[in-house]
């Protein structure tokens, strides 16, 4: 007989995903500003399912850009990988193709916190878990990808991580041949995955990723509270990676060890773009 639910523990909303089975989620979207030093046991992912036949076998419209999703944990080098792909295209003599590569950041698609959430943030009672699926507006991202795929004008939001708000919008001015969209959870949602022609996961060990995040935090603020930073990593960021980000590796067509430092893999992806006739 199943145990009765604990009435003292509020039930968190279900996470709409086909990557994990945790319901309610083990890692909350809104977390206390201070941590107790304990975390909820993580859920076990389901066995891998088949990718959508539409994303695997659909014939691409010659005028449609090629969409590549690049996922992985924070500190794995997703943004640098996109830049390296563009630089490699130029080095191989395809500057015109490189000029028509659009680079989208999933972080720009963070949803705007509600007034109540902003008030709690202002009071210092809690923080927003920016690695939780509920933190992102996947519907907006899907709409932008759909417009770009149809050859329509699109605008993408600009997100300020410090103030947790959108500071404006930027227009996609060129007619892209390739769209690189990168982020921790870019492979999380089925609707977004089905827009992608290639799905990439950067497989970088946790020590390297943590070291990069600590270095970035110190470079941004020399007075950063390292104990608070590491507490958040141990009790929020790391469990969120294991529950939400790591399971998306199963959807990847290409897994890149060493992330942005794997020059061989990056050159192969760039060459693949050229071979697919992206350069006019």
C-alpha atoms as a PDB file:
ATOM      1  CA  UNK A   1       0.000   0.000   0.000  1.00  0.00           C
ATOM      2  CA  UNK A   2       1.339   3.398  -0.963  1.00  0.00           C
ATOM      3  CA  UNK A   3       2.175   5.826   1.801  1.00  0.00           C
ATOM      4  CA  UNK A   4      -0.196   8.684   2.441  1.00  0.00           C
ATOM      5  CA  UNK A   5       1.051  12.088   1.244  1.00  0.00           C
ATOM      6  CA  UNK A   6       2.641  14.283   3.864  1.00  0.00           C
ATOM      7  CA  UNK A   7       0.148  17.114   4.491  1.00  0.00           C
ATOM      8  CA  UNK A   8       2.895  19.394   5.811  1.00  0.00           C
ATOM      9  CA  UNK A   9       4.823  19.308   2.544  1.00  0.00           C
ATOM     10  CA  UNK A  10       3.305  21.425  -0.239  1.00  0.00           C
ATOM     11  CA  UNK A  11       2.898  19.694  -3.565  1.00  0.00           C
ATOM     12  CA  UNK A  12       4.971  21.393  -6.228  1.00  0.00           C
ATOM     13  CA  UNK A  13       3.646  21.720  -9.777  1.00  0.00           C
ATOM     14  CA  UNK A  14       4.439  18.952 -12.210  1.00  0.00           C
ATOM     15  CA  UNK A  15       7.211  19.532 -14.718  1.00  0.00           C
ATOM     16  CA  UNK A  16       6.043  19.113 -18.293  1.00  0.00           C
ATOM     17  CA  UNK A  17       8.817  17.032 -19.811  1.00  0.00           C
ATOM     18  CA  UNK A  18       9.492  13.668 -21.351  1.00  0.00           C
ATOM     19  CA  UNK A  19      13.048  13.609 -19.985  1.00  0.00           C
ATOM     20  CA  UNK A  20      12.421  12.961 -16.297  1.00  0.00           C
ATOM     21  CA  UNK A  21       9.758  11.284 -14.220  1.00  0.00           C
ATOM     22  CA  UNK A  22      10.017  13.420 -11.089  1.00  0.00           C
ATOM     23  CA  UNK A  23       6.581  14.652 -10.158  1.00  0.00           C
ATOM     24  CA  UNK A  24       6.575  16.787  -8.160  1.00  0.00           C
ATOM     25  CA  UNK A  25      10.073  17.996  -9.072  1.00  0.00           C
ATOM     26  CA  UNK A  26      12.803  17.175  -6.573  1.00  0.00           C
ATOM     27  CA  UNK A  27      14.492  20.529  -7.193  1.00  0.00           C
ATOM     28  CA  UNK A  28      12.167  23.512  -6.705  1.00  0.00           C
ATOM     29  CA  UNK A  29      11.873  26.507  -8.998  1.00  0.00           C
ATOM     30  CA  UNK A  30      11.875  28.911  -6.047  1.00  0.00           C
ATOM     31  CA  UNK A  31      14.474  28.149  -3.378  1.00  0.00           C
ATOM     32  CA  UNK A  32      15.192  29.628   0.068  1.00  0.00           C
ATOM     33  CA  UNK A  33      17.849  32.302   0.214  1.00  0.00           C
ATOM     34  CA  UNK A  34      19.747  30.157   2.748  1.00  0.00           C
ATOM     35  CA  UNK A  35      20.328  26.421   2.474  1.00  0.00           C
ATOM     36  CA  UNK A  36      20.058  23.783   5.162  1.00  0.00           C
ATOM     37  CA  UNK A  37      22.739  21.542   3.742  1.00  0.00           C
ATOM     38  CA  UNK A  38      20.412  18.767   2.668  1.00  0.00           C
ATOM     39  CA  UNK A  39      18.779  18.069  -0.651  1.00  0.00           C
ATOM     40  CA  UNK A  40      15.951  15.874  -1.832  1.00  0.00           C
ATOM     41  CA  UNK A  41      16.996  12.572  -3.466  1.00  0.00           C
ATOM     42  CA  UNK A  42      17.045  12.855  -7.219  1.00  0.00           C
ATOM     43  CA  UNK A  43      14.654  11.019  -9.482  1.00  0.00           C
ATOM     44  CA  UNK A  44      15.817   8.331 -11.883  1.00  0.00           C
ATOM     45  CA  UNK A  45      15.361   9.173 -15.576  1.00  0.00           C
ATOM     46  CA  UNK A  46      13.222   7.016 -17.803  1.00  0.00           C
ATOM     47  CA  UNK A  47      14.774   4.814 -20.409  1.00  0.00           C
ATOM     48  CA  UNK A  48      15.581   6.598 -23.646  1.00  0.00           C
ATOM     49  CA  UNK A  49      12.809   6.817 -26.180  1.00  0.00           C
ATOM     50  CA  UNK A  50      12.932   7.121 -29.926  1.00  0.00           C
ATOM     51  CA  UNK A  51      13.410  10.542 -31.397  1.00  0.00           C
ATOM     52  CA  UNK A  52      10.591  11.991 -33.422  1.00  0.00           C
ATOM     53  CA  UNK A  53      10.638  10.670 -36.969  1.00  0.00           C
ATOM     54  CA  UNK A  54       9.776  14.174 -38.127  1.00  0.00           C
ATOM     55  CA  UNK A  55      13.042  15.567 -36.762  1.00  0.00           C
ATOM     56  CA  UNK A  56      15.086  12.627 -38.058  1.00  0.00           C
ATOM     57  CA  UNK A  57      13.760  12.070 -41.546  1.00  0.00           C
ATOM     58  CA  UNK A  58      11.846  15.153 -42.639  1.00  0.00           C
ATOM     59  CA  UNK A  59      13.097  16.595 -45.911  1.00  0.00           C
ATOM     60  CA  UNK A  60      14.419  20.063 -45.343  1.00  0.00           C
ATOM     61  CA  UNK A  61      13.145  22.970 -47.390  1.00  0.00           C
ATOM     62  CA  UNK A  62      16.146  24.362 -49.332  1.00  0.00           C
ATOM     63  CA  UNK A  63      15.262  27.872 -48.140  1.00  0.00           C
ATOM     64  CA  UNK A  64      14.886  26.849 -44.513  1.00  0.00           C
ATOM     65  CA  UNK A  65      17.843  27.478 -42.192  1.00  0.00           C
ATOM     66  CA  UNK A  66      19.519  24.569 -40.465  1.00  0.00           C
ATOM     67  CA  UNK A  67      18.792  24.537 -36.723  1.00  0.00           C
ATOM     68  CA  UNK A  68      21.422  23.199 -34.318  1.00  0.00           C
ATOM     69  CA  UNK A  69      20.766  22.921 -30.580  1.00  0.00           C
ATOM     70  CA  UNK A  70      23.774  22.835 -28.244  1.00  0.00           C
ATOM     71  CA  UNK A  71      23.093  21.745 -24.667  1.00  0.00           C
ATOM     72  CA  UNK A  72      25.156  20.942 -21.597  1.00  0.00           C
ATOM     73  CA  UNK A  73      25.751  22.106 -18.061  1.00  0.00           C
ATOM     74  CA  UNK A  74      26.775  25.607 -17.068  1.00  0.00           C
ATOM     75  CA  UNK A  75      30.495  26.012 -17.627  1.00  0.00           C
ATOM     76  CA  UNK A  76      30.653  23.423 -20.416  1.00  0.00           C
ATOM     77  CA  UNK A  77      31.478  26.040 -23.074  1.00  0.00           C
ATOM     78  CA  UNK A  78      28.245  26.238 -25.082  1.00  0.00           C
ATOM     79  CA  UNK A  79      28.641  29.894 -26.075  1.00  0.00           C
ATOM     80  CA  UNK A  80      32.297  29.451 -26.989  1.00  0.00           C
ATOM     81  CA  UNK A  81      31.411  26.365 -29.037  1.00  0.00           C
ATOM     82  CA  UNK A  82      29.016  28.459 -31.129  1.00  0.00           C
ATOM     83  CA  UNK A  83      31.670  31.123 -31.619  1.00  0.00           C
ATOM     84  CA  UNK A  84      34.246  28.486 -32.541  1.00  0.00           C
ATOM     85  CA  UNK A  85      31.922  26.994 -35.168  1.00  0.00           C
ATOM     86  CA  UNK A  86      31.476  30.426 -36.770  1.00  0.00           C
ATOM     87  CA  UNK A  87      35.221  31.133 -36.634  1.00  0.00           C
ATOM     88  CA  UNK A  88      35.956  27.732 -38.187  1.00  0.00           C
ATOM     89  CA  UNK A  89      33.607  28.479 -41.096  1.00  0.00           C
ATOM     90  CA  UNK A  90      35.549  31.679 -41.761  1.00  0.00           C
ATOM     91  CA  UNK A  91      38.888  29.902 -41.495  1.00  0.00           C
ATOM     92  CA  UNK A  92      37.727  27.291 -44.009  1.00  0.00           C
ATOM     93  CA  UNK A  93      36.885  30.029 -46.487  1.00  0.00           C
ATOM     94  CA  UNK A  94      33.119  30.279 -46.017  1.00  0.00           C
ATOM     95  CA  UNK A  95      32.833  33.821 -44.672  1.00  0.00           C
ATOM     96  CA  UNK A  96      29.471  34.406 -46.388  1.00  0.00           C
ATOM     97  CA  UNK A  97      27.984  31.392 -44.643  1.00  0.00           C
ATOM     98  CA  UNK A  98      29.494  32.517 -41.306  1.00  0.00           C
ATOM     99  CA  UNK A  99      27.860  35.933 -41.717  1.00  0.00           C
ATOM    100  CA  UNK A 100      24.469  34.240 -41.989  1.00  0.00           C
ATOM    101  CA  UNK A 101      24.746  32.179 -38.799  1.00  0.00           C
ATOM    102  CA  UNK A 102      22.391  33.361 -36.047  1.00  0.00           C
ATOM    103  CA  UNK A 103      23.406  32.621 -32.461  1.00  0.00           C
ATOM    104  CA  UNK A 104      20.543  32.411 -29.934  1.00  0.00           C
ATOM    105  CA  UNK A 105      21.014  32.114 -26.154  1.00  0.00           C
ATOM    106  CA  UNK A 106      18.424  30.165 -24.176  1.00  0.00           C
ATOM    107  CA  UNK A 107      19.189  32.431 -21.204  1.00  0.00           C
ATOM    108  CA  UNK A 108      17.544  35.283 -23.131  1.00  0.00           C
ATOM    109  CA  UNK A 109      14.310  33.301 -23.009  1.00  0.00           C
ATOM    110  CA  UNK A 110      14.001  33.302 -19.217  1.00  0.00           C
ATOM    111  CA  UNK A 111      10.433  34.077 -18.289  1.00  0.00           C
ATOM    112  CA  UNK A 112       9.772  37.342 -16.472  1.00  0.00           C
ATOM    113  CA  UNK A 113       9.261  36.757 -12.717  1.00  0.00           C
ATOM    114  CA  UNK A 114       5.884  37.652 -11.293  1.00  0.00           C
ATOM    115  CA  UNK A 115       5.437  40.649  -8.986  1.00  0.00           C
ATOM    116  CA  UNK A 116       5.232  38.295  -5.988  1.00  0.00           C
ATOM    117  CA  UNK A 117       8.472  36.568  -6.953  1.00  0.00           C
ATOM    118  CA  UNK A 118      10.245  39.882  -7.459  1.00  0.00           C
ATOM    119  CA  UNK A 119       9.048  41.031  -4.041  1.00  0.00           C
ATOM    120  CA  UNK A 120      10.451  37.917  -2.375  1.00  0.00           C
ATOM    121  CA  UNK A 121      13.718  38.453  -4.223  1.00  0.00           C
ATOM    122  CA  UNK A 122      13.814  42.071  -3.084  1.00  0.00           C
ATOM    123  CA  UNK A 123      13.245  41.032   0.531  1.00  0.00           C
ATOM    124  CA  UNK A 124      15.982  38.412   0.266  1.00  0.00           C
ATOM    125  CA  UNK A 125      13.685  35.573   1.342  1.00  0.00           C
ATOM    126  CA  UNK A 126      14.328  33.357  -1.668  1.00  0.00           C
ATOM    127  CA  UNK A 127      16.022  33.071  -5.029  1.00  0.00           C
ATOM    128  CA  UNK A 128      14.942  31.888  -8.457  1.00  0.00           C
ATOM    129  CA  UNK A 129      16.458  28.616  -9.655  1.00  0.00           C
ATOM    130  CA  UNK A 130      17.620  29.677 -13.119  1.00  0.00           C
ATOM    131  CA  UNK A 131      18.395  26.054 -14.052  1.00  0.00           C
ATOM    132  CA  UNK A 132      14.804  24.891 -13.540  1.00  0.00           C
ATOM    133  CA  UNK A 133      12.624  24.259 -16.641  1.00  0.00           C
ATOM    134  CA  UNK A 134       9.916  26.546 -15.252  1.00  0.00           C
ATOM    135  CA  UNK A 135      12.420  29.403 -15.485  1.00  0.00           C
ATOM    136  CA  UNK A 136      12.323  29.377 -19.312  1.00  0.00           C
ATOM    137  CA  UNK A 137       9.697  30.495 -21.818  1.00  0.00           C
ATOM    138  CA  UNK A 138       9.991  27.533 -24.193  1.00  0.00           C
ATOM    139  CA  UNK A 139       6.812  28.584 -25.978  1.00  0.00           C
ATOM    140  CA  UNK A 140       8.416  31.884 -26.955  1.00  0.00           C
ATOM    141  CA  UNK A 141      11.571  30.098 -28.142  1.00  0.00           C
ATOM    142  CA  UNK A 142       9.503  27.658 -30.186  1.00  0.00           C
ATOM    143  CA  UNK A 143       7.656  30.572 -31.786  1.00  0.00           C
ATOM    144  CA  UNK A 144      10.906  32.322 -32.737  1.00  0.00           C
ATOM    145  CA  UNK A 145      12.311  29.138 -34.289  1.00  0.00           C
ATOM    146  CA  UNK A 146       9.062  28.660 -36.193  1.00  0.00           C
ATOM    147  CA  UNK A 147       9.234  32.175 -37.642  1.00  0.00           C
ATOM    148  CA  UNK A 148      12.857  31.782 -38.672  1.00  0.00           C
ATOM    149  CA  UNK A 149      12.059  28.426 -40.247  1.00  0.00           C
ATOM    150  CA  UNK A 150       9.247  30.014 -42.266  1.00  0.00           C
ATOM    151  CA  UNK A 151      11.504  32.843 -43.438  1.00  0.00           C
ATOM    152  CA  UNK A 152       9.641  35.444 -41.380  1.00  0.00           C
ATOM    153  CA  UNK A 153      10.952  38.384 -39.393  1.00  0.00           C
ATOM    154  CA  UNK A 154      11.648  37.521 -35.752  1.00  0.00           C
ATOM    155  CA  UNK A 155      12.654  39.369 -32.619  1.00  0.00           C
ATOM    156  CA  UNK A 156      14.270  37.776 -29.590  1.00  0.00           C
ATOM    157  CA  UNK A 157      14.314  39.092 -26.009  1.00  0.00           C
ATOM    158  CA  UNK A 158      17.408  40.413 -24.271  1.00  0.00           C
ATOM    159  CA  UNK A 159      17.738  39.193 -20.685  1.00  0.00           C
ATOM    160  CA  UNK A 160      19.636  40.864 -17.857  1.00  0.00           C
ATOM    161  CA  UNK A 161      20.776  38.136 -15.461  1.00  0.00           C
ATOM    162  CA  UNK A 162      21.614  40.644 -12.743  1.00  0.00           C
ATOM    163  CA  UNK A 163      18.172  42.262 -12.534  1.00  0.00           C
ATOM    164  CA  UNK A 164      16.242  39.170 -13.722  1.00  0.00           C
ATOM    165  CA  UNK A 165      14.305  41.122 -16.306  1.00  0.00           C
ATOM    166  CA  UNK A 166      14.041  41.650 -20.026  1.00  0.00           C
ATOM    167  CA  UNK A 167      15.798  44.820 -21.074  1.00  0.00           C
ATOM    168  CA  UNK A 168      14.533  44.887 -24.654  1.00  0.00           C
ATOM    169  CA  UNK A 169      14.290  43.004 -27.927  1.00  0.00           C
ATOM    170  CA  UNK A 170      16.680  42.534 -30.824  1.00  0.00           C
ATOM    171  CA  UNK A 171      15.705  41.844 -34.404  1.00  0.00           C
ATOM    172  CA  UNK A 172      17.163  39.052 -36.529  1.00  0.00           C
ATOM    173  CA  UNK A 173      18.159  41.194 -39.482  1.00  0.00           C
ATOM    174  CA  UNK A 174      19.845  38.699 -41.783  1.00  0.00           C
ATOM    175  CA  UNK A 175      18.164  35.782 -43.545  1.00  0.00           C
ATOM    176  CA  UNK A 176      19.917  32.996 -41.634  1.00  0.00           C
ATOM    177  CA  UNK A 177      21.319  29.869 -43.218  1.00  0.00           C
ATOM    178  CA  UNK A 178      22.163  28.350 -39.821  1.00  0.00           C
ATOM    179  CA  UNK A 179      20.633  28.970 -36.397  1.00  0.00           C
ATOM    180  CA  UNK A 180      22.711  27.951 -33.385  1.00  0.00           C
ATOM    181  CA  UNK A 181      20.641  27.896 -30.203  1.00  0.00           C
ATOM    182  CA  UNK A 182      22.496  27.035 -27.022  1.00  0.00           C
ATOM    183  CA  UNK A 183      21.565  26.653 -23.385  1.00  0.00           C
ATOM    184  CA  UNK A 184      21.473  24.250 -20.476  1.00  0.00           C
ATOM    185  CA  UNK A 185      17.975  22.989 -21.310  1.00  0.00           C
ATOM    186  CA  UNK A 186      17.773  23.586 -25.044  1.00  0.00           C
ATOM    187  CA  UNK A 187      17.213  19.839 -25.580  1.00  0.00           C
ATOM    188  CA  UNK A 188      14.656  19.566 -22.755  1.00  0.00           C
ATOM    189  CA  UNK A 189      11.335  20.264 -24.490  1.00  0.00           C
ATOM    190  CA  UNK A 190       9.976  18.037 -27.231  1.00  0.00           C
ATOM    191  CA  UNK A 191       8.517  20.937 -29.237  1.00  0.00           C
ATOM    192  CA  UNK A 192      11.890  22.695 -29.440  1.00  0.00           C
ATOM    193  CA  UNK A 193      13.767  19.455 -30.187  1.00  0.00           C
ATOM    194  CA  UNK A 194      11.504  18.756 -33.153  1.00  0.00           C
ATOM    195  CA  UNK A 195      12.617  22.076 -34.678  1.00  0.00           C
ATOM    196  CA  UNK A 196      16.264  21.012 -34.561  1.00  0.00           C
ATOM    197  CA  UNK A 197      18.149  19.328 -37.386  1.00  0.00           C
ATOM    198  CA  UNK A 198      21.122  18.507 -35.178  1.00  0.00           C
ATOM    199  CA  UNK A 199      21.254  18.094 -31.405  1.00  0.00           C
ATOM    200  CA  UNK A 200      24.579  18.450 -29.624  1.00  0.00           C
ATOM    201  CA  UNK A 201      25.497  17.843 -25.980  1.00  0.00           C
ATOM    202  CA  UNK A 202      28.763  19.074 -24.471  1.00  0.00           C
ATOM    203  CA  UNK A 203      29.986  16.426 -22.038  1.00  0.00           C
ATOM    204  CA  UNK A 204      32.373  18.195 -19.661  1.00  0.00           C
ATOM    205  CA  UNK A 205      33.318  16.848 -16.222  1.00  0.00           C
ATOM    206  CA  UNK A 206      31.798  18.560 -13.206  1.00  0.00           C
ATOM    207  CA  UNK A 207      35.133  19.722 -11.741  1.00  0.00           C
ATOM    208  CA  UNK A 208      35.959  21.650 -14.903  1.00  0.00           C
ATOM    209  CA  UNK A 209      32.491  23.185 -15.073  1.00  0.00           C
ATOM    210  CA  UNK A 210      32.549  24.211 -11.409  1.00  0.00           C
ATOM    211  CA  UNK A 211      36.024  25.715 -11.753  1.00  0.00           C
ATOM    212  CA  UNK A 212      34.888  27.789 -14.720  1.00  0.00           C
ATOM    213  CA  UNK A 213      31.815  29.007 -12.847  1.00  0.00           C
ATOM    214  CA  UNK A 214      33.854  30.008  -9.783  1.00  0.00           C
ATOM    215  CA  UNK A 215      36.370  31.851 -11.948  1.00  0.00           C
ATOM    216  CA  UNK A 216      33.583  33.675 -13.813  1.00  0.00           C
ATOM    217  CA  UNK A 217      31.936  34.658 -10.506  1.00  0.00           C
ATOM    218  CA  UNK A 218      35.207  36.058  -9.151  1.00  0.00           C
ATOM    219  CA  UNK A 219      35.925  37.944 -12.378  1.00  0.00           C
ATOM    220  CA  UNK A 220      32.453  39.499 -12.207  1.00  0.00           C
ATOM    221  CA  UNK A 221      32.758  40.397  -8.516  1.00  0.00           C
ATOM    222  CA  UNK A 222      36.036  40.095  -6.629  1.00  0.00           C
ATOM    223  CA  UNK A 223      34.106  40.282  -3.333  1.00  0.00           C
ATOM    224  CA  UNK A 224      31.831  37.352  -4.156  1.00  0.00           C
ATOM    225  CA  UNK A 225      30.819  35.213  -1.160  1.00  0.00           C
ATOM    226  CA  UNK A 226      32.352  31.884  -2.164  1.00  0.00           C
ATOM    227  CA  UNK A 227      30.655  29.955   0.646  1.00  0.00           C
ATOM    228  CA  UNK A 228      27.243  31.169  -0.497  1.00  0.00           C
ATOM    229  CA  UNK A 229      28.167  30.482  -4.115  1.00  0.00           C
ATOM    230  CA  UNK A 230      29.270  26.907  -3.339  1.00  0.00           C
ATOM    231  CA  UNK A 231      26.212  26.288  -1.152  1.00  0.00           C
ATOM    232  CA  UNK A 232      23.986  27.268  -4.057  1.00  0.00           C
ATOM    233  CA  UNK A 233      25.992  25.038  -6.391  1.00  0.00           C
ATOM    234  CA  UNK A 234      25.804  22.017  -4.077  1.00  0.00           C
ATOM    235  CA  UNK A 235      22.145  22.278  -3.091  1.00  0.00           C
ATOM    236  CA  UNK A 236      20.541  23.878  -6.172  1.00  0.00           C
ATOM    237  CA  UNK A 237      22.688  24.016  -9.313  1.00  0.00           C
ATOM    238  CA  UNK A 238      24.226  20.526  -9.092  1.00  0.00           C
ATOM    239  CA  UNK A 239      20.930  18.715  -8.303  1.00  0.00           C
ATOM    240  CA  UNK A 240      19.228  20.709 -11.077  1.00  0.00           C
ATOM    241  CA  UNK A 241      21.910  19.609 -13.532  1.00  0.00           C
ATOM    242  CA  UNK A 242      21.508  15.962 -12.538  1.00  0.00           C
ATOM    243  CA  UNK A 243      17.718  16.027 -12.660  1.00  0.00           C
ATOM    244  CA  UNK A 244      17.001  18.245 -15.654  1.00  0.00           C
ATOM    245  CA  UNK A 245      20.121  18.850 -17.782  1.00  0.00           C
ATOM    246  CA  UNK A 246      22.008  15.550 -17.747  1.00  0.00           C
ATOM    247  CA  UNK A 247      19.034  13.436 -18.941  1.00  0.00           C
ATOM    248  CA  UNK A 248      18.800  15.548 -22.137  1.00  0.00           C
ATOM    249  CA  UNK A 249      22.069  13.946 -23.259  1.00  0.00           C
ATOM    250  CA  UNK A 250      20.007  10.991 -24.502  1.00  0.00           C
ATOM    251  CA  UNK A 251      18.534  13.117 -27.298  1.00  0.00           C
ATOM    252  CA  UNK A 252      21.894  14.222 -28.687  1.00  0.00           C
ATOM    253  CA  UNK A 253      22.988  13.270 -32.197  1.00  0.00           C
ATOM    254  CA  UNK A 254      26.512  14.405 -31.341  1.00  0.00           C
ATOM    255  CA  UNK A 255      28.154  14.222 -27.900  1.00  0.00           C
ATOM    256  CA  UNK A 256      31.299  16.330 -27.608  1.00  0.00           C
ATOM    257  CA  UNK A 257      33.747  15.425 -24.835  1.00  0.00           C
ATOM    258  CA  UNK A 258      35.797  18.395 -23.558  1.00  0.00           C
ATOM    259  CA  UNK A 259      33.168  20.811 -24.882  1.00  0.00           C
ATOM    260  CA  UNK A 260      34.478  23.946 -26.593  1.00  0.00           C
ATOM    261  CA  UNK A 261      38.046  22.665 -26.338  1.00  0.00           C
ATOM    262  CA  UNK A 262      37.343  19.780 -28.709  1.00  0.00           C
ATOM    263  CA  UNK A 263      38.602  21.352 -31.926  1.00  0.00           C
ATOM    264  CA  UNK A 264      38.176  18.163 -33.956  1.00  0.00           C
ATOM    265  CA  UNK A 265      34.457  17.896 -33.178  1.00  0.00           C
ATOM    266  CA  UNK A 266      33.863  21.594 -33.848  1.00  0.00           C
ATOM    267  CA  UNK A 267      35.574  21.379 -37.230  1.00  0.00           C
ATOM    268  CA  UNK A 268      33.504  18.310 -38.126  1.00  0.00           C
ATOM    269  CA  UNK A 269      30.277  20.211 -37.369  1.00  0.00           C
ATOM    270  CA  UNK A 270      31.452  23.188 -39.435  1.00  0.00           C
ATOM    271  CA  UNK A 271      32.346  20.897 -42.310  1.00  0.00           C
ATOM    272  CA  UNK A 272      28.944  19.234 -42.018  1.00  0.00           C
ATOM    273  CA  UNK A 273      27.271  22.619 -42.505  1.00  0.00           C
ATOM    274  CA  UNK A 274      29.294  23.197 -45.636  1.00  0.00           C
ATOM    275  CA  UNK A 275      28.629  19.687 -46.995  1.00  0.00           C
ATOM    276  CA  UNK A 276      24.878  20.181 -46.537  1.00  0.00           C
ATOM    277  CA  UNK A 277      24.997  23.007 -49.037  1.00  0.00           C
ATOM    278  CA  UNK A 278      24.457  25.860 -46.619  1.00  0.00           C
ATOM    279  CA  UNK A 279      26.934  28.059 -48.484  1.00  0.00           C
ATOM    280  CA  UNK A 280      25.343  29.486 -51.671  1.00  0.00           C
END
